[in-house]
Amino acid sequence: MKMVLAIVRPEKMKDVEERLKESGFPSLTEISVRGRGKQKGITIGQMKYDKLPKEMLMIVCADQDTDKVVSIILETARTGNIGDGKVFILNVEDAVTIRTAQRGIEAL
């Protein structure tokens, strides 16, 4: 199993969620976050914004679905401008559903 962590623009989150759901990936966790990337924030007039608001999306999926999930995120979240975000892919050793105690892929 893999965990896909995606940091995306807040205005793109709803579109990403809808595309993932339509493509058979309805389960996700969304967290509002603030941060900066290579651009080191932005300056507008006299104001410097060091950290910008973003949304973080967490999805755990089967290994064979990882490329499809990442593709959907890239296609849907990309504007072509600095600050579009990042996608991180992590190995997941196990998953357990609390209510049923199902483990592994069945827990997803």
PDB file of N, CA and C in Angstrom:
ATOM      1  N   MET A   1       0.844  -1.173   0.000  1.00  0.00           N
ATOM      2  CA  MET A   1       0.000   0.000   0.000  1.00  0.00           C
ATOM      3  C   MET A   1       0.889   1.235   0.000  1.00  0.00           C
ATOM      4  N   LYS A   2       0.338   2.327  -0.524  1.00  0.00           N
ATOM      5  CA  LYS A   2       1.048   3.598  -0.571  1.00  0.00           C
ATOM      6  C   LYS A   2       0.165   4.692   0.020  1.00  0.00           C
ATOM      7  N   MET A   3       0.804   5.685   0.636  1.00  0.00           N
ATOM      8  CA  MET A   3       0.102   6.890   1.042  1.00  0.00           C
ATOM      9  C   MET A   3       0.543   8.000   0.103  1.00  0.00           C
ATOM     10  N   VAL A   4      -0.423   8.647  -0.501  1.00  0.00           N
ATOM     11  CA  VAL A   4      -0.164   9.791  -1.358  1.00  0.00           C
ATOM     12  C   VAL A   4      -0.524  11.035  -0.554  1.00  0.00           C
ATOM     13  N   LEU A   5       0.474  11.886  -0.311  1.00  0.00           N
ATOM     14  CA  LEU A   5       0.262  13.169   0.350  1.00  0.00           C
ATOM     15  C   LEU A   5       0.402  14.241  -0.717  1.00  0.00           C
ATOM     16  N   ALA A   6      -0.635  15.014  -0.912  1.00  0.00           N
ATOM     17  CA  ALA A   6      -0.601  16.061  -1.924  1.00  0.00           C
ATOM     18  C   ALA A   6      -0.874  17.406  -1.271  1.00  0.00           C
ATOM     19  N   ILE A   7      -0.021  18.374  -1.555  1.00  0.00           N
ATOM     20  CA  ILE A   7      -0.210  19.751  -1.099  1.00  0.00           C
ATOM     21  C   ILE A   7      -0.679  20.525  -2.330  1.00  0.00           C
ATOM     22  N   VAL A   8      -1.902  21.067  -2.271  1.00  0.00           N
ATOM     23  CA  VAL A   8      -2.473  21.746  -3.441  1.00  0.00           C
ATOM     24  C   VAL A   8      -3.037  23.109  -3.060  1.00  0.00           C
ATOM     25  N   ARG A   9      -3.268  23.909  -4.079  1.00  0.00           N
ATOM     26  CA  ARG A   9      -3.904  25.210  -3.876  1.00  0.00           C
ATOM     27  C   ARG A   9      -5.315  25.004  -3.326  1.00  0.00           C
ATOM     28  N   PRO A  10      -5.751  25.840  -2.378  1.00  0.00           N
ATOM     29  CA  PRO A  10      -7.091  25.679  -1.807  1.00  0.00           C
ATOM     30  C   PRO A  10      -8.203  25.710  -2.853  1.00  0.00           C
ATOM     31  N   GLU A  11      -8.048  26.536  -3.861  1.00  0.00           N
ATOM     32  CA  GLU A  11      -9.096  26.669  -4.883  1.00  0.00           C
ATOM     33  C   GLU A  11      -9.183  25.453  -5.810  1.00  0.00           C
ATOM     34  N   LYS A  12      -8.199  24.569  -5.760  1.00  0.00           N
ATOM     35  CA  LYS A  12      -8.195  23.364  -6.590  1.00  0.00           C
ATOM     36  C   LYS A  12      -8.687  22.126  -5.843  1.00  0.00           C
ATOM     37  N   MET A  13      -8.811  22.229  -4.528  1.00  0.00           N
ATOM     38  CA  MET A  13      -9.117  21.061  -3.713  1.00  0.00           C
ATOM     39  C   MET A  13     -10.433  20.391  -4.097  1.00  0.00           C
ATOM     40  N   LYS A  14     -11.489  21.151  -4.261  1.00  0.00           N
ATOM     41  CA  LYS A  14     -12.795  20.576  -4.578  1.00  0.00           C
ATOM     42  C   LYS A  14     -12.739  19.810  -5.898  1.00  0.00           C
ATOM     43  N   ASP A  15     -12.076  20.382  -6.899  1.00  0.00           N
ATOM     44  CA  ASP A  15     -11.951  19.707  -8.197  1.00  0.00           C
ATOM     45  C   ASP A  15     -11.182  18.391  -8.060  1.00  0.00           C
ATOM     46  N   VAL A  16     -10.097  18.406  -7.286  1.00  0.00           N
ATOM     47  CA  VAL A  16      -9.303  17.195  -7.084  1.00  0.00           C
ATOM     48  C   VAL A  16     -10.145  16.130  -6.386  1.00  0.00           C
ATOM     49  N   GLU A  17     -10.853  16.526  -5.332  1.00  0.00           N
ATOM     50  CA  GLU A  17     -11.711  15.584  -4.603  1.00  0.00           C
ATOM     51  C   GLU A  17     -12.756  14.956  -5.530  1.00  0.00           C
ATOM     52  N   GLU A  18     -13.401  15.773  -6.334  1.00  0.00           N
ATOM     53  CA  GLU A  18     -14.448  15.268  -7.237  1.00  0.00           C
ATOM     54  C   GLU A  18     -13.890  14.297  -8.261  1.00  0.00           C
ATOM     55  N   ARG A  19     -12.747  14.627  -8.862  1.00  0.00           N
ATOM     56  CA  ARG A  19     -12.124  13.736  -9.860  1.00  0.00           C
ATOM     57  C   ARG A  19     -11.717  12.413  -9.246  1.00  0.00           C
ATOM     58  N   LEU A  20     -11.143  12.458  -8.038  1.00  0.00           N
ATOM     59  CA  LEU A  20     -10.753  11.221  -7.363  1.00  0.00           C
ATOM     60  C   LEU A  20     -11.976  10.359  -7.077  1.00  0.00           C
ATOM     61  N   LYS A  21     -13.043  10.976  -6.588  1.00  0.00           N
ATOM     62  CA  LYS A  21     -14.279  10.235  -6.277  1.00  0.00           C
ATOM     63  C   LYS A  21     -14.862   9.603  -7.538  1.00  0.00           C
ATOM     64  N   GLU A  22     -14.933  10.372  -8.622  1.00  0.00           N
ATOM     65  CA  GLU A  22     -15.447   9.869  -9.902  1.00  0.00           C
ATOM     66  C   GLU A  22     -14.609   8.706 -10.430  1.00  0.00           C
ATOM     67  N   SER A  23     -13.328   8.692 -10.089  1.00  0.00           N
ATOM     68  CA  SER A  23     -12.400   7.674 -10.585  1.00  0.00           C
ATOM     69  C   SER A  23     -12.287   6.464  -9.659  1.00  0.00           C
ATOM     70  N   GLY A  24     -13.136   6.428  -8.619  1.00  0.00           N
ATOM     71  CA  GLY A  24     -13.151   5.265  -7.738  1.00  0.00           C
ATOM     72  C   GLY A  24     -12.296   5.374  -6.495  1.00  0.00           C
ATOM     73  N   PHE A  25     -11.896   6.595  -6.140  1.00  0.00           N
ATOM     74  CA  PHE A  25     -11.086   6.822  -4.943  1.00  0.00           C
ATOM     75  C   PHE A  25     -11.794   7.823  -4.028  1.00  0.00           C
ATOM     76  N   PRO A  26     -12.886   7.399  -3.376  1.00  0.00           N
ATOM     77  CA  PRO A  26     -13.664   8.332  -2.563  1.00  0.00           C
ATOM     78  C   PRO A  26     -13.065   8.622  -1.181  1.00  0.00           C
ATOM     79  N   SER A  27     -12.210   7.732  -0.673  1.00  0.00           N
ATOM     80  CA  SER A  27     -11.691   7.878   0.693  1.00  0.00           C
ATOM     81  C   SER A  27     -10.467   8.786   0.709  1.00  0.00           C
ATOM     82  N   LEU A  28     -10.522   9.796   1.566  1.00  0.00           N
ATOM     83  CA  LEU A  28      -9.400  10.719   1.685  1.00  0.00           C
ATOM     84  C   LEU A  28      -9.504  11.490   2.984  1.00  0.00           C
ATOM     85  N   THR A  29      -8.420  12.116   3.353  1.00  0.00           N
ATOM     86  CA  THR A  29      -8.389  13.033   4.488  1.00  0.00           C
ATOM     87  C   THR A  29      -7.844  14.352   3.973  1.00  0.00           C
ATOM     88  N   GLU A  30      -8.503  15.438   4.375  1.00  0.00           N
ATOM     89  CA  GLU A  30      -8.092  16.781   3.952  1.00  0.00           C
ATOM     90  C   GLU A  30      -7.735  17.595   5.186  1.00  0.00           C
ATOM     91  N   ILE A  31      -6.620  18.310   5.100  1.00  0.00           N
ATOM     92  CA  ILE A  31      -6.156  19.136   6.210  1.00  0.00           C
ATOM     93  C   ILE A  31      -5.750  20.500   5.652  1.00  0.00           C
ATOM     94  N   SER A  32      -6.224  21.566   6.272  1.00  0.00           N
ATOM     95  CA  SER A  32      -5.781  22.908   5.893  1.00  0.00           C
ATOM     96  C   SER A  32      -4.413  23.151   6.510  1.00  0.00           C
ATOM     97  N   VAL A  33      -3.466  23.584   5.681  1.00  0.00           N
ATOM     98  CA  VAL A  33      -2.093  23.807   6.141  1.00  0.00           C
ATOM     99  C   VAL A  33      -1.585  25.142   5.622  1.00  0.00           C
ATOM    100  N   ARG A  34      -0.452  25.576   6.157  1.00  0.00           N
ATOM    101  CA  ARG A  34       0.231  26.771   5.653  1.00  0.00           C
ATOM    102  C   ARG A  34       1.690  26.410   5.460  1.00  0.00           C
ATOM    103  N   GLY A  35       2.293  26.948   4.426  1.00  0.00           N
ATOM    104  CA  GLY A  35       3.695  26.651   4.208  1.00  0.00           C
ATOM    105  C   GLY A  35       4.269  27.451   3.062  1.00  0.00           C
ATOM    106  N   ARG A  36       5.495  27.114   2.718  1.00  0.00           N
ATOM    107  CA  ARG A  36       6.158  27.780   1.599  1.00  0.00           C
ATOM    108  C   ARG A  36       7.025  26.768   0.884  1.00  0.00           C
ATOM    109  N   GLY A  37       7.282  27.033  -0.363  1.00  0.00           N
ATOM    110  CA  GLY A  37       8.141  26.177  -1.166  1.00  0.00           C
ATOM    111  C   GLY A  37       9.346  26.954  -1.627  1.00  0.00           C
ATOM    112  N   LYS A  38       9.783  26.638  -2.831  1.00  0.00           N
ATOM    113  CA  LYS A  38      10.971  27.280  -3.385  1.00  0.00           C
ATOM    114  C   LYS A  38      10.806  28.785  -3.543  1.00  0.00           C
ATOM    115  N   GLN A  39       9.539  29.233  -3.710  1.00  0.00           N
ATOM    116  CA  GLN A  39       9.313  30.661  -3.926  1.00  0.00           C
ATOM    117  C   GLN A  39       9.505  31.475  -2.648  1.00  0.00           C
ATOM    118  N   LYS A  40       9.592  30.799  -1.486  1.00  0.00           N
ATOM    119  CA  LYS A  40       9.839  31.436  -0.189  1.00  0.00           C
ATOM    120  C   LYS A  40       8.779  32.478   0.156  1.00  0.00           C
ATOM    121  N   GLY A  41       7.535  32.199  -0.176  1.00  0.00           N
ATOM    122  CA  GLY A  41       6.457  33.143   0.103  1.00  0.00           C
ATOM    123  C   GLY A  41       6.293  34.111  -1.051  1.00  0.00           C
ATOM    124  N   ILE A  42       5.441  35.110  -0.846  1.00  0.00           N
ATOM    125  CA  ILE A  42       5.237  36.126  -1.888  1.00  0.00           C
ATOM    126  C   ILE A  42       5.229  37.508  -1.252  1.00  0.00           C
ATOM    127  N   THR A  43       5.530  38.513  -2.071  1.00  0.00           N
ATOM    128  CA  THR A  43       5.468  39.905  -1.643  1.00  0.00           C
ATOM    129  C   THR A  43       4.442  40.616  -2.512  1.00  0.00           C
ATOM    130  N   ILE A  44       3.493  41.258  -1.842  1.00  0.00           N
ATOM    131  CA  ILE A  44       2.485  42.055  -2.537  1.00  0.00           C
ATOM    132  C   ILE A  44       2.575  43.458  -1.957  1.00  0.00           C
ATOM    133  N   GLY A  45       3.061  44.391  -2.773  1.00  0.00           N
ATOM    134  CA  GLY A  45       3.287  45.748  -2.274  1.00  0.00           C
ATOM    135  C   GLY A  45       4.330  45.721  -1.176  1.00  0.00           C
ATOM    136  N   GLN A  46       3.981  46.267  -0.024  1.00  0.00           N
ATOM    137  CA  GLN A  46       4.896  46.303   1.118  1.00  0.00           C
ATOM    138  C   GLN A  46       4.765  45.061   2.000  1.00  0.00           C
ATOM    139  N   MET A  47       3.767  44.214   1.723  1.00  0.00           N
ATOM    140  CA  MET A  47       3.502  43.049   2.574  1.00  0.00           C
ATOM    141  C   MET A  47       4.234  41.806   2.071  1.00  0.00           C
ATOM    142  N   LYS A  48       4.907  41.133   2.996  1.00  0.00           N
ATOM    143  CA  LYS A  48       5.580  39.867   2.695  1.00  0.00           C
ATOM    144  C   LYS A  48       4.781  38.753   3.359  1.00  0.00           C
ATOM    145  N   TYR A  49       4.333  37.789   2.566  1.00  0.00           N
ATOM    146  CA  TYR A  49       3.614  36.634   3.080  1.00  0.00           C
ATOM    147  C   TYR A  49       4.568  35.448   3.036  1.00  0.00           C
ATOM    148  N   ASP A  50       5.072  35.087   4.215  1.00  0.00           N
ATOM    149  CA  ASP A  50       6.095  34.054   4.321  1.00  0.00           C
ATOM    150  C   ASP A  50       5.503  32.663   4.091  1.00  0.00           C
ATOM    151  N   LYS A  51       4.314  32.414   4.642  1.00  0.00           N
ATOM    152  CA  LYS A  51       3.654  31.111   4.490  1.00  0.00           C
ATOM    153  C   LYS A  51       2.295  31.331   3.859  1.00  0.00           C
ATOM    154  N   LEU A  52       1.977  30.470   2.909  1.00  0.00           N
ATOM    155  CA  LEU A  52       0.726  30.596   2.165  1.00  0.00           C
ATOM    156  C   LEU A  52      -0.227  29.463   2.520  1.00  0.00           C
ATOM    157  N   PRO A  53      -1.537  29.727   2.465  1.00  0.00           N
ATOM    158  CA  PRO A  53      -2.505  28.668   2.755  1.00  0.00           C
ATOM    159  C   PRO A  53      -2.533  27.629   1.640  1.00  0.00           C
ATOM    160  N   LYS A  54      -2.573  26.371   2.030  1.00  0.00           N
ATOM    161  CA  LYS A  54      -2.673  25.243   1.097  1.00  0.00           C
ATOM    162  C   LYS A  54      -3.595  24.207   1.720  1.00  0.00           C
ATOM    163  N   GLU A  55      -3.943  23.204   0.945  1.00  0.00           N
ATOM    164  CA  GLU A  55      -4.698  22.062   1.443  1.00  0.00           C
ATOM    165  C   GLU A  55      -3.833  20.827   1.269  1.00  0.00           C
ATOM    166  N   MET A  56      -3.825  19.968   2.282  1.00  0.00           N
ATOM    167  CA  MET A  56      -3.098  18.713   2.183  1.00  0.00           C
ATOM    168  C   MET A  56      -4.104  17.576   2.107  1.00  0.00           C
ATOM    169  N   LEU A  57      -3.910  16.733   1.135  1.00  0.00           N
ATOM    170  CA  LEU A  57      -4.780  15.603   0.878  1.00  0.00           C
ATOM    171  C   LEU A  57      -4.000  14.331   1.159  1.00  0.00           C
ATOM    172  N   MET A  58      -4.584  13.417   1.944  1.00  0.00           N
ATOM    173  CA  MET A  58      -3.945  12.136   2.247  1.00  0.00           C
ATOM    174  C   MET A  58      -4.836  11.020   1.729  1.00  0.00           C
ATOM    175  N   ILE A  59      -4.244  10.149   0.914  1.00  0.00           N
ATOM    176  CA  ILE A  59      -4.968   9.003   0.374  1.00  0.00           C
ATOM    177  C   ILE A  59      -4.074   7.782   0.519  1.00  0.00           C
ATOM    178  N   VAL A  60      -4.619   6.693   1.052  1.00  0.00           N
ATOM    179  CA  VAL A  60      -3.893   5.420   1.071  1.00  0.00           C
ATOM    180  C   VAL A  60      -4.559   4.533   0.033  1.00  0.00           C
ATOM    181  N   CYS A  61      -3.744   3.953  -0.846  1.00  0.00           N
ATOM    182  CA  CYS A  61      -4.286   3.136  -1.937  1.00  0.00           C
ATOM    183  C   CYS A  61      -3.398   1.909  -2.167  1.00  0.00           C
ATOM    184  N   ALA A  62      -3.916   0.993  -2.950  1.00  0.00           N
ATOM    185  CA  ALA A  62      -3.140  -0.185  -3.348  1.00  0.00           C
ATOM    186  C   ALA A  62      -1.963   0.273  -4.206  1.00  0.00           C
ATOM    187  N   ASP A  63      -0.863  -0.454  -4.138  1.00  0.00           N
ATOM    188  CA  ASP A  63       0.334  -0.099  -4.912  1.00  0.00           C
ATOM    189  C   ASP A  63       0.008   0.143  -6.383  1.00  0.00           C
ATOM    190  N   GLN A  64      -0.813  -0.727  -6.963  1.00  0.00           N
ATOM    191  CA  GLN A  64      -1.107  -0.618  -8.393  1.00  0.00           C
ATOM    192  C   GLN A  64      -1.967   0.600  -8.741  1.00  0.00           C
ATOM    193  N   ASP A  65      -2.580   1.250  -7.758  1.00  0.00           N
ATOM    194  CA  ASP A  65      -3.406   2.437  -8.011  1.00  0.00           C
ATOM    195  C   ASP A  65      -2.651   3.745  -7.838  1.00  0.00           C
ATOM    196  N   THR A  66      -1.430   3.674  -7.339  1.00  0.00           N
ATOM    197  CA  THR A  66      -0.680   4.887  -7.006  1.00  0.00           C
ATOM    198  C   THR A  66      -0.501   5.807  -8.205  1.00  0.00           C
ATOM    199  N   ASP A  67      -0.055   5.284  -9.333  1.00  0.00           N
ATOM    200  CA  ASP A  67       0.179   6.128 -10.511  1.00  0.00           C
ATOM    201  C   ASP A  67      -1.106   6.806 -10.977  1.00  0.00           C
ATOM    202  N   LYS A  68      -2.225   6.086 -10.911  1.00  0.00           N
ATOM    203  CA  LYS A  68      -3.511   6.667 -11.330  1.00  0.00           C
ATOM    204  C   LYS A  68      -3.913   7.807 -10.397  1.00  0.00           C
ATOM    205  N   VAL A  69      -3.785   7.604  -9.080  1.00  0.00           N
ATOM    206  CA  VAL A  69      -4.124   8.641  -8.108  1.00  0.00           C
ATOM    207  C   VAL A  69      -3.249   9.875  -8.327  1.00  0.00           C
ATOM    208  N   VAL A  70      -1.949   9.663  -8.480  1.00  0.00           N
ATOM    209  CA  VAL A  70      -1.028  10.786  -8.688  1.00  0.00           C
ATOM    210  C   VAL A  70      -1.360  11.510  -9.990  1.00  0.00           C
ATOM    211  N   SER A  71      -1.660  10.776 -11.045  1.00  0.00           N
ATOM    212  CA  SER A  71      -2.030  11.386 -12.333  1.00  0.00           C
ATOM    213  C   SER A  71      -3.247  12.281 -12.206  1.00  0.00           C
ATOM    214  N   ILE A  72      -4.257  11.787 -11.507  1.00  0.00           N
ATOM    215  CA  ILE A  72      -5.486  12.570 -11.315  1.00  0.00           C
ATOM    216  C   ILE A  72      -5.170  13.873 -10.581  1.00  0.00           C
ATOM    217  N   ILE A  73      -4.361  13.777  -9.534  1.00  0.00           N
ATOM    218  CA  ILE A  73      -4.001  14.971  -8.769  1.00  0.00           C
ATOM    219  C   ILE A  73      -3.231  15.960  -9.641  1.00  0.00           C
ATOM    220  N   LEU A  74      -2.236  15.464 -10.378  1.00  0.00           N
ATOM    221  CA  LEU A  74      -1.431  16.352 -11.225  1.00  0.00           C
ATOM    222  C   LEU A  74      -2.286  17.038 -12.289  1.00  0.00           C
ATOM    223  N   GLU A  75      -3.120  16.267 -12.958  1.00  0.00           N
ATOM    224  CA  GLU A  75      -3.959  16.833 -14.028  1.00  0.00           C
ATOM    225  C   GLU A  75      -4.950  17.865 -13.492  1.00  0.00           C
ATOM    226  N   THR A  76      -5.489  17.614 -12.321  1.00  0.00           N
ATOM    227  CA  THR A  76      -6.552  18.456 -11.794  1.00  0.00           C
ATOM    228  C   THR A  76      -6.024  19.669 -11.038  1.00  0.00           C
ATOM    229  N   ALA A  77      -4.915  19.530 -10.329  1.00  0.00           N
ATOM    230  CA  ALA A  77      -4.412  20.614  -9.480  1.00  0.00           C
ATOM    231  C   ALA A  77      -3.465  21.569 -10.197  1.00  0.00           C
ATOM    232  N   ARG A  78      -2.929  21.176 -11.334  1.00  0.00           N
ATOM    233  CA  ARG A  78      -1.915  21.984 -12.014  1.00  0.00           C
ATOM    234  C   ARG A  78      -2.508  23.236 -12.661  1.00  0.00           C
ATOM    235  N   THR A  79      -1.895  24.395 -12.351  1.00  0.00           N
ATOM    236  CA  THR A  79      -2.235  25.645 -13.052  1.00  0.00           C
ATOM    237  C   THR A  79      -1.080  26.066 -13.959  1.00  0.00           C
ATOM    238  N   GLY A  80       0.116  25.523 -13.683  1.00  0.00           N
ATOM    239  CA  GLY A  80       1.294  25.916 -14.446  1.00  0.00           C
ATOM    240  C   GLY A  80       2.058  27.061 -13.802  1.00  0.00           C
ATOM    241  N   ASN A  81       1.581  27.523 -12.653  1.00  0.00           N
ATOM    242  CA  ASN A  81       2.228  28.635 -11.956  1.00  0.00           C
ATOM    243  C   ASN A  81       2.971  28.134 -10.725  1.00  0.00           C
ATOM    244  N   ILE A  82       3.944  28.933 -10.285  1.00  0.00           N
ATOM    245  CA  ILE A  82       4.654  28.622  -9.053  1.00  0.00           C
ATOM    246  C   ILE A  82       3.632  28.530  -7.930  1.00  0.00           C
ATOM    247  N   GLY A  83       3.809  27.537  -7.054  1.00  0.00           N
ATOM    248  CA  GLY A  83       2.911  27.380  -5.920  1.00  0.00           C
ATOM    249  C   GLY A  83       1.812  26.363  -6.140  1.00  0.00           C
ATOM    250  N   ASP A  84       1.894  25.593  -7.239  1.00  0.00           N
ATOM    251  CA  ASP A  84       0.873  24.564  -7.492  1.00  0.00           C
ATOM    252  C   ASP A  84       0.917  23.453  -6.457  1.00  0.00           C
ATOM    253  N   GLY A  85       2.063  23.209  -5.834  1.00  0.00           N
ATOM    254  CA  GLY A  85       2.138  22.219  -4.764  1.00  0.00           C
ATOM    255  C   GLY A  85       3.090  21.081  -5.047  1.00  0.00           C
ATOM    256  N   LYS A  86       2.973  20.033  -4.246  1.00  0.00           N
ATOM    257  CA  LYS A  86       3.834  18.852  -4.333  1.00  0.00           C
ATOM    258  C   LYS A  86       3.019  17.614  -4.031  1.00  0.00           C
ATOM    259  N   VAL A  87       3.529  16.475  -4.509  1.00  0.00           N
ATOM    260  CA  VAL A  87       2.952  15.174  -4.183  1.00  0.00           C
ATOM    261  C   VAL A  87       4.078  14.314  -3.623  1.00  0.00           C
ATOM    262  N   PHE A  88       3.812  13.682  -2.489  1.00  0.00           N
ATOM    263  CA  PHE A  88       4.770  12.781  -1.850  1.00  0.00           C
ATOM    264  C   PHE A  88       4.133  11.397  -1.795  1.00  0.00           C
ATOM    265  N   ILE A  89       4.932  10.374  -2.022  1.00  0.00           N
ATOM    266  CA  ILE A  89       4.435   8.992  -2.000  1.00  0.00           C
ATOM    267  C   ILE A  89       5.241   8.228  -0.953  1.00  0.00           C
ATOM    268  N   LEU A  90       4.514   7.623   0.004  1.00  0.00           N
ATOM    269  CA  LEU A  90       5.144   6.915   1.108  1.00  0.00           C
ATOM    270  C   LEU A  90       4.659   5.476   1.155  1.00  0.00           C
ATOM    271  N   ASN A  91       5.506   4.589   1.614  1.00  0.00           N
ATOM    272  CA  ASN A  91       5.095   3.203   1.838  1.00  0.00           C
ATOM    273  C   ASN A  91       4.243   3.120   3.103  1.00  0.00           C
ATOM    274  N   VAL A  92       3.209   2.293   3.056  1.00  0.00           N
ATOM    275  CA  VAL A  92       2.359   2.046   4.222  1.00  0.00           C
ATOM    276  C   VAL A  92       2.495   0.571   4.569  1.00  0.00           C
ATOM    277  N   GLU A  93       2.899   0.295   5.770  1.00  0.00           N
ATOM    278  CA  GLU A  93       3.123  -1.079   6.204  1.00  0.00           C
ATOM    279  C   GLU A  93       1.815  -1.830   6.416  1.00  0.00           C
ATOM    280  N   ASP A  94       0.830  -1.173   7.008  1.00  0.00           N
ATOM    281  CA  ASP A  94      -0.437  -1.841   7.300  1.00  0.00           C
ATOM    282  C   ASP A  94      -1.508  -0.784   7.514  1.00  0.00           C
ATOM    283  N   ALA A  95      -2.748  -1.201   7.462  1.00  0.00           N
ATOM    284  CA  ALA A  95      -3.902  -0.369   7.785  1.00  0.00           C
ATOM    285  C   ALA A  95      -4.878  -1.244   8.551  1.00  0.00           C
ATOM    286  N   VAL A  96      -5.564  -0.655   9.536  1.00  0.00           N
ATOM    287  CA  VAL A  96      -6.524  -1.406  10.340  1.00  0.00           C
ATOM    288  C   VAL A  96      -7.782  -0.563  10.507  1.00  0.00           C
ATOM    289  N   THR A  97      -8.933  -1.149  10.191  1.00  0.00           N
ATOM    290  CA  THR A  97     -10.200  -0.478  10.432  1.00  0.00           C
ATOM    291  C   THR A  97     -10.571  -0.684  11.892  1.00  0.00           C
ATOM    292  N   ILE A  98     -10.790   0.370  12.608  1.00  0.00           N
ATOM    293  CA  ILE A  98     -11.066   0.273  14.042  1.00  0.00           C
ATOM    294  C   ILE A  98     -12.346  -0.516  14.312  1.00  0.00           C
ATOM    295  N   ARG A  99     -13.426  -0.224  13.584  1.00  0.00           N
ATOM    296  CA  ARG A  99     -14.716  -0.862  13.845  1.00  0.00           C
ATOM    297  C   ARG A  99     -14.693  -2.360  13.615  1.00  0.00           C
ATOM    298  N   THR A 100     -14.059  -2.810  12.519  1.00  0.00           N
ATOM    299  CA  THR A 100     -14.129  -4.229  12.136  1.00  0.00           C
ATOM    300  C   THR A 100     -12.834  -5.001  12.363  1.00  0.00           C
ATOM    301  N   ALA A 101     -11.748  -4.321  12.626  1.00  0.00           N
ATOM    302  CA  ALA A 101     -10.412  -4.912  12.788  1.00  0.00           C
ATOM    303  C   ALA A 101      -9.876  -5.501  11.479  1.00  0.00           C
ATOM    304  N   GLN A 102     -10.501  -5.157  10.333  1.00  0.00           N
ATOM    305  CA  GLN A 102      -9.946  -5.600   9.048  1.00  0.00           C
ATOM    306  C   GLN A 102      -8.583  -4.977   8.859  1.00  0.00           C
ATOM    307  N   ARG A 103      -7.698  -5.722   8.184  1.00  0.00           N
ATOM    308  CA  ARG A 103      -6.335  -5.265   7.983  1.00  0.00           C
ATOM    309  C   ARG A 103      -5.963  -5.232   6.504  1.00  0.00           C
ATOM    310  N   GLY A 104      -4.911  -4.480   6.219  1.00  0.00           N
ATOM    311  CA  GLY A 104      -4.374  -4.426   4.860  1.00  0.00           C
ATOM    312  C   GLY A 104      -5.318  -3.773   3.874  1.00  0.00           C
ATOM    313  N   ILE A 105      -5.288  -4.264   2.633  1.00  0.00           N
ATOM    314  CA  ILE A 105      -6.104  -3.695   1.558  1.00  0.00           C
ATOM    315  C   ILE A 105      -7.586  -3.704   1.919  1.00  0.00           C
ATOM    316  N   GLU A 106      -8.047  -4.734   2.622  1.00  0.00           N
ATOM    317  CA  GLU A 106      -9.467  -4.818   3.006  1.00  0.00           C
ATOM    318  C   GLU A 106      -9.859  -3.640   3.904  1.00  0.00           C
ATOM    319  N   ALA A 107      -8.910  -3.094   4.638  1.00  0.00           N
ATOM    320  CA  ALA A 107      -9.198  -1.972   5.531  1.00  0.00           C
ATOM    321  C   ALA A 107      -9.414  -0.669   4.772  1.00  0.00           C
ATOM    322  N   LEU A 108      -8.958  -0.632   3.536  1.00  0.00           N
ATOM    323  CA  LEU A 108      -9.102   0.601   2.767  1.00  0.00           C
ATOM    324  C   LEU A 108     -10.519   0.745   2.267  1.00  0.00           C
TER     325      LEU A 108
END
